N, C-alpha and C. Protein backbone atom coordinates (compact mmCIF):
# COMPACT_ATOMS: atom_id res chain seq x y z
N MET A 1 182.36 49.80 56.54
CA MET A 1 181.68 50.34 55.39
C MET A 1 181.53 51.84 55.58
N ASN A 2 182.02 52.60 54.62
CA ASN A 2 181.91 54.05 54.68
C ASN A 2 180.70 54.51 53.88
N THR A 3 179.97 55.43 54.46
CA THR A 3 178.81 56.00 53.77
C THR A 3 179.17 57.40 53.31
N THR A 4 178.92 57.65 52.06
CA THR A 4 179.18 58.99 51.53
C THR A 4 177.85 59.71 51.33
N ALA A 5 177.93 61.01 51.08
CA ALA A 5 176.73 61.80 50.85
C ALA A 5 175.93 61.26 49.67
N ALA A 6 176.61 60.73 48.69
CA ALA A 6 175.93 60.19 47.51
C ALA A 6 175.10 58.96 47.85
N ASP A 7 175.46 58.25 48.94
CA ASP A 7 174.73 57.06 49.35
C ASP A 7 173.46 57.38 50.12
N LEU A 8 173.39 58.57 50.69
CA LEU A 8 172.25 58.95 51.51
C LEU A 8 171.08 59.39 50.64
N PRO A 9 169.85 59.17 51.12
CA PRO A 9 168.70 59.64 50.33
C PRO A 9 168.75 61.16 50.18
N GLN A 10 168.49 61.62 48.98
CA GLN A 10 168.51 63.05 48.70
C GLN A 10 167.13 63.65 48.97
N PRO A 11 167.12 64.87 49.52
CA PRO A 11 165.81 65.50 49.73
C PRO A 11 165.12 65.73 48.38
N ARG A 12 163.81 65.55 48.41
CA ARG A 12 163.05 65.72 47.17
C ARG A 12 163.11 67.18 46.73
N GLU A 13 163.38 67.37 45.47
CA GLU A 13 163.45 68.72 44.93
C GLU A 13 162.05 69.32 44.91
N ARG A 14 161.95 70.60 45.28
CA ARG A 14 160.66 71.27 45.28
C ARG A 14 160.18 71.47 43.86
N ARG A 15 158.89 71.25 43.68
CA ARG A 15 158.31 71.45 42.35
C ARG A 15 158.28 72.93 42.03
N ARG A 16 158.35 73.23 40.75
CA ARG A 16 158.37 74.63 40.29
C ARG A 16 157.15 75.40 40.77
N ILE A 17 155.96 74.76 40.75
CA ILE A 17 154.76 75.44 41.20
C ILE A 17 154.87 75.84 42.67
N ASP A 18 155.47 74.97 43.49
CA ASP A 18 155.62 75.27 44.92
C ASP A 18 156.60 76.42 45.14
N VAL A 19 157.65 76.46 44.34
CA VAL A 19 158.62 77.55 44.43
C VAL A 19 157.95 78.87 44.06
N LEU A 20 157.25 78.89 42.93
CA LEU A 20 156.61 80.12 42.47
C LEU A 20 155.54 80.60 43.43
N VAL A 21 154.68 79.70 43.88
CA VAL A 21 153.62 80.09 44.81
C VAL A 21 154.23 80.52 46.14
N GLY A 22 155.29 79.87 46.56
CA GLY A 22 155.98 80.27 47.79
C GLY A 22 156.56 81.67 47.69
N GLN A 23 157.17 81.97 46.56
CA GLN A 23 157.72 83.32 46.36
C GLN A 23 156.60 84.35 46.31
N TYR A 24 155.52 84.01 45.66
CA TYR A 24 154.36 84.91 45.56
C TYR A 24 153.77 85.15 46.95
N ALA A 25 153.70 84.10 47.75
CA ALA A 25 153.10 84.20 49.09
C ALA A 25 153.86 85.14 50.01
N GLU A 26 155.15 85.34 49.73
CA GLU A 26 155.95 86.21 50.59
C GLU A 26 155.40 87.63 50.65
N SER A 27 154.75 88.09 49.60
CA SER A 27 154.18 89.44 49.61
C SER A 27 152.65 89.40 49.67
N HIS A 28 152.12 88.27 50.17
CA HIS A 28 150.67 88.10 50.28
C HIS A 28 150.35 87.37 51.59
N ARG A 29 150.66 88.00 52.70
CA ARG A 29 150.45 87.39 54.01
C ARG A 29 149.35 88.07 54.81
N HIS A 30 149.19 89.37 54.61
CA HIS A 30 148.19 90.11 55.39
C HIS A 30 146.79 89.65 54.99
N PRO A 31 145.94 89.32 55.97
CA PRO A 31 144.60 88.79 55.64
C PRO A 31 143.77 89.72 54.74
N THR A 32 143.90 91.02 54.91
CA THR A 32 143.15 91.94 54.06
C THR A 32 143.64 91.87 52.62
N ASN A 33 144.94 91.83 52.44
CA ASN A 33 145.50 91.73 51.10
C ASN A 33 145.09 90.42 50.44
N VAL A 34 145.12 89.34 51.20
CA VAL A 34 144.72 88.04 50.65
C VAL A 34 143.24 88.08 50.27
N ALA A 35 142.40 88.68 51.11
CA ALA A 35 140.97 88.79 50.79
C ALA A 35 140.75 89.61 49.52
N VAL A 36 141.48 90.70 49.40
CA VAL A 36 141.39 91.52 48.18
C VAL A 36 141.76 90.67 46.96
N HIS A 37 142.78 89.85 47.10
CA HIS A 37 143.20 89.00 45.98
C HIS A 37 142.14 87.96 45.64
N TRP A 38 141.46 87.40 46.65
CA TRP A 38 140.41 86.42 46.38
C TRP A 38 139.32 87.02 45.51
N VAL A 39 139.02 88.29 45.72
CA VAL A 39 137.99 88.95 44.93
C VAL A 39 138.55 89.42 43.59
N CYS A 40 139.69 90.08 43.63
CA CYS A 40 140.19 90.80 42.45
C CYS A 40 140.90 89.93 41.41
N VAL A 41 141.65 88.94 41.83
CA VAL A 41 142.43 88.15 40.85
C VAL A 41 141.53 87.47 39.82
N PRO A 42 140.45 86.78 40.23
CA PRO A 42 139.60 86.19 39.19
C PRO A 42 138.99 87.24 38.25
N ILE A 43 138.62 88.39 38.81
CA ILE A 43 138.05 89.45 37.98
C ILE A 43 139.11 89.98 37.00
N ILE A 44 140.33 90.16 37.48
CA ILE A 44 141.41 90.64 36.61
C ILE A 44 141.69 89.64 35.49
N VAL A 45 141.67 88.36 35.80
CA VAL A 45 141.88 87.35 34.75
C VAL A 45 140.77 87.47 33.71
N TRP A 46 139.52 87.56 34.17
CA TRP A 46 138.38 87.71 33.25
C TRP A 46 138.55 88.97 32.40
N CYS A 47 138.88 90.08 33.05
CA CYS A 47 139.05 91.35 32.34
C CYS A 47 140.16 91.28 31.30
N THR A 48 141.28 90.69 31.68
CA THR A 48 142.40 90.57 30.75
C THR A 48 141.99 89.78 29.52
N LEU A 49 141.35 88.65 29.75
CA LEU A 49 140.89 87.84 28.61
C LEU A 49 139.89 88.62 27.77
N ALA A 50 138.97 89.33 28.41
CA ALA A 50 137.95 90.09 27.68
C ALA A 50 138.58 91.19 26.84
N LEU A 51 139.55 91.89 27.40
CA LEU A 51 140.19 92.98 26.66
C LEU A 51 140.97 92.45 25.47
N VAL A 52 141.64 91.32 25.66
CA VAL A 52 142.36 90.70 24.53
C VAL A 52 141.35 90.21 23.50
N PHE A 53 140.23 89.66 23.96
CA PHE A 53 139.18 89.17 23.06
C PHE A 53 138.63 90.31 22.20
N VAL A 54 138.45 91.48 22.81
CA VAL A 54 137.93 92.63 22.08
C VAL A 54 138.90 93.07 20.98
N VAL A 55 140.20 92.95 21.26
CA VAL A 55 141.20 93.27 20.22
C VAL A 55 141.01 92.31 19.06
N HIS A 56 140.98 91.00 19.36
CA HIS A 56 140.68 89.98 18.35
C HIS A 56 140.48 88.64 19.06
N PRO A 57 139.38 87.96 18.77
CA PRO A 57 139.12 86.67 19.44
C PRO A 57 140.27 85.67 19.29
N TRP A 58 140.88 85.59 18.12
CA TRP A 58 141.96 84.62 17.92
C TRP A 58 143.19 84.96 18.75
N LEU A 59 143.40 86.23 19.00
CA LEU A 59 144.50 86.63 19.88
C LEU A 59 144.22 86.14 21.30
N CYS A 60 142.96 86.24 21.70
CA CYS A 60 142.56 85.73 23.02
C CYS A 60 142.77 84.21 23.10
N TYR A 61 142.35 83.50 22.06
CA TYR A 61 142.51 82.04 22.06
C TYR A 61 143.98 81.65 22.13
N ALA A 62 144.82 82.39 21.43
CA ALA A 62 146.26 82.11 21.46
C ALA A 62 146.83 82.40 22.85
N PHE A 63 146.38 83.48 23.46
CA PHE A 63 146.82 83.83 24.81
C PHE A 63 146.40 82.75 25.81
N VAL A 64 145.16 82.30 25.69
CA VAL A 64 144.66 81.23 26.56
C VAL A 64 145.48 79.96 26.35
N ALA A 65 145.73 79.59 25.11
CA ALA A 65 146.50 78.37 24.82
C ALA A 65 147.90 78.45 25.43
N ALA A 66 148.57 79.58 25.25
CA ALA A 66 149.92 79.74 25.80
C ALA A 66 149.89 79.68 27.33
N SER A 67 148.90 80.32 27.93
CA SER A 67 148.79 80.29 29.39
C SER A 67 148.55 78.88 29.89
N LEU A 68 147.67 78.15 29.21
CA LEU A 68 147.37 76.79 29.64
C LEU A 68 148.56 75.85 29.48
N VAL A 69 149.37 76.07 28.45
CA VAL A 69 150.60 75.28 28.30
C VAL A 69 151.47 75.52 29.53
N HIS A 70 151.61 76.77 29.92
CA HIS A 70 152.41 77.11 31.11
C HIS A 70 151.83 76.42 32.35
N TYR A 71 150.51 76.51 32.52
CA TYR A 71 149.88 75.89 33.69
C TYR A 71 150.01 74.36 33.67
N PHE A 72 149.86 73.74 32.50
CA PHE A 72 150.01 72.29 32.41
C PHE A 72 151.43 71.85 32.77
N ARG A 73 152.41 72.67 32.44
CA ARG A 73 153.79 72.34 32.81
C ARG A 73 153.98 72.39 34.33
N LEU A 74 153.21 73.24 34.97
CA LEU A 74 153.35 73.39 36.43
C LEU A 74 152.51 72.37 37.20
N SER A 75 151.26 72.16 36.74
CA SER A 75 150.35 71.29 37.49
C SER A 75 149.13 70.97 36.64
N TRP A 76 148.90 69.69 36.39
CA TRP A 76 147.73 69.28 35.62
C TRP A 76 146.41 69.69 36.28
N PRO A 77 146.23 69.43 37.58
CA PRO A 77 144.95 69.83 38.19
C PRO A 77 144.70 71.34 38.12
N MET A 78 145.74 72.13 38.33
CA MET A 78 145.58 73.58 38.25
C MET A 78 145.22 74.00 36.82
N ALA A 79 145.85 73.38 35.86
CA ALA A 79 145.58 73.71 34.45
C ALA A 79 144.14 73.37 34.08
N VAL A 80 143.64 72.26 34.60
CA VAL A 80 142.26 71.87 34.30
C VAL A 80 141.29 72.90 34.88
N VAL A 81 141.52 73.35 36.09
CA VAL A 81 140.66 74.37 36.69
C VAL A 81 140.75 75.67 35.88
N MET A 82 141.97 76.06 35.53
CA MET A 82 142.14 77.29 34.76
C MET A 82 141.50 77.15 33.37
N ALA A 83 141.55 75.98 32.78
CA ALA A 83 140.90 75.76 31.48
C ALA A 83 139.40 75.95 31.61
N GLY A 84 138.83 75.42 32.69
CA GLY A 84 137.40 75.60 32.93
C GLY A 84 137.04 77.06 33.14
N PHE A 85 137.86 77.76 33.92
CA PHE A 85 137.60 79.18 34.17
C PHE A 85 137.71 80.00 32.89
N THR A 86 138.74 79.73 32.10
CA THR A 86 138.91 80.50 30.87
C THR A 86 137.81 80.17 29.86
N ALA A 87 137.38 78.92 29.82
CA ALA A 87 136.29 78.56 28.90
C ALA A 87 135.00 79.29 29.30
N ALA A 88 134.70 79.32 30.58
CA ALA A 88 133.52 80.04 31.05
C ALA A 88 133.66 81.54 30.78
N SER A 89 134.86 82.05 30.97
CA SER A 89 135.10 83.48 30.71
C SER A 89 134.85 83.81 29.25
N VAL A 90 135.45 83.03 28.36
CA VAL A 90 135.29 83.29 26.92
C VAL A 90 133.81 83.16 26.53
N ALA A 91 133.12 82.18 27.07
CA ALA A 91 131.69 82.02 26.76
C ALA A 91 130.91 83.27 27.20
N SER A 92 131.30 83.86 28.32
CA SER A 92 130.59 85.04 28.82
C SER A 92 130.77 86.26 27.92
N PHE A 93 131.83 86.30 27.15
CA PHE A 93 132.08 87.46 26.28
C PHE A 93 130.99 87.62 25.22
N PHE A 94 130.34 86.51 24.90
CA PHE A 94 129.30 86.55 23.88
C PHE A 94 127.95 87.02 24.42
N VAL A 95 127.82 87.09 25.74
CA VAL A 95 126.54 87.49 26.33
C VAL A 95 126.61 88.77 27.17
N VAL A 96 127.79 89.16 27.61
CA VAL A 96 127.93 90.39 28.38
C VAL A 96 127.86 91.58 27.42
N PRO A 97 126.89 92.45 27.64
CA PRO A 97 126.81 93.60 26.73
C PRO A 97 127.99 94.55 26.96
N HIS A 98 128.50 95.10 25.88
CA HIS A 98 129.61 96.05 25.93
C HIS A 98 130.79 95.48 26.74
N VAL A 99 131.14 94.24 26.44
CA VAL A 99 132.13 93.51 27.23
C VAL A 99 133.45 94.28 27.37
N GLY A 100 133.86 94.96 26.34
CA GLY A 100 135.12 95.71 26.41
C GLY A 100 135.08 96.82 27.45
N TRP A 101 134.00 97.56 27.47
CA TRP A 101 133.87 98.66 28.44
C TRP A 101 133.71 98.13 29.86
N VAL A 102 132.93 97.07 30.00
CA VAL A 102 132.76 96.44 31.32
C VAL A 102 134.12 95.95 31.82
N ALA A 103 134.85 95.29 30.96
CA ALA A 103 136.17 94.76 31.33
C ALA A 103 137.14 95.87 31.68
N LEU A 104 137.14 96.94 30.90
CA LEU A 104 138.05 98.05 31.17
C LEU A 104 137.75 98.69 32.53
N ALA A 105 136.48 98.94 32.81
CA ALA A 105 136.10 99.54 34.09
C ALA A 105 136.46 98.62 35.26
N ALA A 106 136.12 97.35 35.14
CA ALA A 106 136.42 96.40 36.22
C ALA A 106 137.92 96.22 36.40
N PHE A 107 138.65 96.23 35.30
CA PHE A 107 140.11 96.09 35.34
C PHE A 107 140.73 97.22 36.16
N VAL A 108 140.32 98.46 35.88
CA VAL A 108 140.86 99.62 36.59
C VAL A 108 140.51 99.54 38.08
N VAL A 109 139.26 99.26 38.39
CA VAL A 109 138.82 99.21 39.80
C VAL A 109 139.54 98.11 40.56
N THR A 110 139.67 96.93 39.95
CA THR A 110 140.30 95.81 40.68
C THR A 110 141.79 96.02 40.86
N TRP A 111 142.45 96.67 39.88
CA TRP A 111 143.87 96.95 40.07
C TRP A 111 144.09 98.01 41.14
N ILE A 112 143.21 98.98 41.23
CA ILE A 112 143.30 99.96 42.32
C ILE A 112 143.16 99.24 43.66
N ALA A 113 142.19 98.33 43.74
CA ALA A 113 142.01 97.55 44.97
C ALA A 113 143.25 96.71 45.29
N GLN A 114 143.85 96.12 44.26
CA GLN A 114 145.06 95.31 44.46
C GLN A 114 146.19 96.16 45.05
N PHE A 115 146.37 97.36 44.52
CA PHE A 115 147.44 98.22 45.02
C PHE A 115 147.13 98.70 46.45
N ILE A 116 145.86 98.91 46.77
CA ILE A 116 145.49 99.24 48.15
C ILE A 116 145.82 98.06 49.06
N GLY A 117 145.50 96.85 48.61
CA GLY A 117 145.83 95.64 49.38
C GLY A 117 147.32 95.54 49.63
N HIS A 118 148.12 95.85 48.64
CA HIS A 118 149.57 95.79 48.81
C HIS A 118 150.09 96.93 49.68
N LYS A 119 149.41 98.05 49.67
CA LYS A 119 149.78 99.15 50.57
C LYS A 119 149.55 98.70 52.02
N ILE A 120 148.43 98.04 52.26
CA ILE A 120 148.13 97.49 53.58
C ILE A 120 149.17 96.43 53.95
N GLU A 121 149.52 95.59 52.98
CA GLU A 121 150.53 94.54 53.19
C GLU A 121 151.88 95.14 53.52
N GLY A 122 152.18 96.28 52.90
CA GLY A 122 153.48 96.90 53.09
C GLY A 122 154.54 96.36 52.15
N LYS A 123 154.09 95.65 51.12
CA LYS A 123 155.02 95.09 50.12
C LYS A 123 154.45 95.34 48.74
N LYS A 124 155.34 95.57 47.79
CA LYS A 124 154.88 95.81 46.43
C LYS A 124 154.45 94.51 45.76
N PRO A 125 153.59 94.62 44.75
CA PRO A 125 153.14 93.42 44.03
C PRO A 125 154.31 92.65 43.42
N SER A 126 154.20 91.34 43.45
CA SER A 126 155.26 90.45 42.95
C SER A 126 155.58 90.68 41.48
N PHE A 127 154.57 90.99 40.68
CA PHE A 127 154.81 91.12 39.25
C PHE A 127 155.72 92.30 38.91
N LEU A 128 155.90 93.23 39.84
CA LEU A 128 156.82 94.34 39.58
C LEU A 128 158.26 93.85 39.55
N GLU A 129 158.52 92.73 40.18
CA GLU A 129 159.84 92.10 40.15
C GLU A 129 159.99 91.16 38.96
N ASP A 130 158.90 90.45 38.64
CA ASP A 130 158.95 89.43 37.60
C ASP A 130 157.55 89.26 37.02
N LEU A 131 157.39 89.53 35.74
CA LEU A 131 156.07 89.50 35.10
C LEU A 131 155.39 88.13 35.15
N GLN A 132 156.17 87.06 35.31
CA GLN A 132 155.55 85.73 35.35
C GLN A 132 154.59 85.60 36.52
N PHE A 133 154.75 86.47 37.54
CA PHE A 133 153.87 86.39 38.70
C PHE A 133 152.45 86.84 38.38
N LEU A 134 152.24 87.47 37.22
CA LEU A 134 150.87 87.75 36.79
C LEU A 134 150.11 86.45 36.54
N LEU A 135 150.83 85.40 36.10
CA LEU A 135 150.21 84.09 35.89
C LEU A 135 150.17 83.26 37.18
N VAL A 136 150.95 83.65 38.17
CA VAL A 136 151.02 82.89 39.42
C VAL A 136 149.88 83.28 40.37
N GLY A 137 149.39 84.50 40.26
CA GLY A 137 148.31 84.96 41.15
C GLY A 137 147.14 83.99 41.23
N PRO A 138 146.59 83.57 40.10
CA PRO A 138 145.48 82.60 40.17
C PRO A 138 145.91 81.28 40.82
N LEU A 139 147.13 80.85 40.57
CA LEU A 139 147.61 79.59 41.16
C LEU A 139 147.75 79.71 42.67
N PHE A 140 148.16 80.87 43.15
CA PHE A 140 148.27 81.13 44.59
C PHE A 140 146.92 80.84 45.26
N LEU A 141 145.85 81.34 44.67
CA LEU A 141 144.52 81.12 45.22
C LEU A 141 144.09 79.66 45.08
N LEU A 142 144.36 79.08 43.92
CA LEU A 142 143.98 77.67 43.71
C LEU A 142 144.73 76.73 44.64
N VAL A 143 146.01 76.98 44.86
CA VAL A 143 146.78 76.14 45.79
C VAL A 143 146.16 76.22 47.18
N LYS A 144 145.79 77.42 47.61
CA LYS A 144 145.13 77.57 48.92
C LYS A 144 143.84 76.74 48.97
N ALA A 145 143.04 76.83 47.90
CA ALA A 145 141.78 76.10 47.85
C ALA A 145 142.01 74.59 47.82
N PHE A 146 142.96 74.15 47.01
CA PHE A 146 143.25 72.71 46.92
C PHE A 146 143.75 72.19 48.26
N ARG A 147 144.63 72.94 48.91
CA ARG A 147 145.14 72.49 50.22
C ARG A 147 144.03 72.41 51.24
N LYS A 148 143.16 73.42 51.26
CA LYS A 148 142.04 73.43 52.22
C LYS A 148 141.12 72.22 52.00
N ALA A 149 140.92 71.87 50.72
CA ALA A 149 140.08 70.74 50.38
C ALA A 149 140.81 69.40 50.51
N GLY A 150 142.11 69.45 50.77
CA GLY A 150 142.90 68.22 50.88
C GLY A 150 143.14 67.53 49.55
N LEU A 151 143.13 68.30 48.48
CA LEU A 151 143.33 67.74 47.14
C LEU A 151 144.77 67.90 46.68
N PRO A 152 145.29 66.91 45.99
CA PRO A 152 146.64 67.04 45.43
C PRO A 152 146.62 67.97 44.22
N TYR A 153 147.73 68.63 44.03
CA TYR A 153 147.85 69.50 42.86
C TYR A 153 149.20 69.32 42.23
């Protein structure tokens, strides 16, 4: 009996989320850069949503919906967490005074910190190669948290 390659079990194909987070992780290895990301990425997400909300709330809702569709395609658990975060973020826009100015100031400060983190890392930010990595940043952190907690994603 001859065995061909087609008869052998095939290695499981890597999920898209694992590929994206793996590529993102290549420029996020230095502990200082990773720590900067833990602080700055959630703030940047909040700021981005707030700035879009200030332009027009419905534009923000559409942006959130499109982002969540992308996240649901990658991972249901990650999308659920991101839905919770975005819902809390949007709710905060109604109580934070001068939300647009707060968001703009925080956005500038956190991006400066991000670039300092990447200077320490010695690698440029992933999104400069591919804009989709702007949506992968939060997943990078969530995957780390899920793995540490032993949760599937």
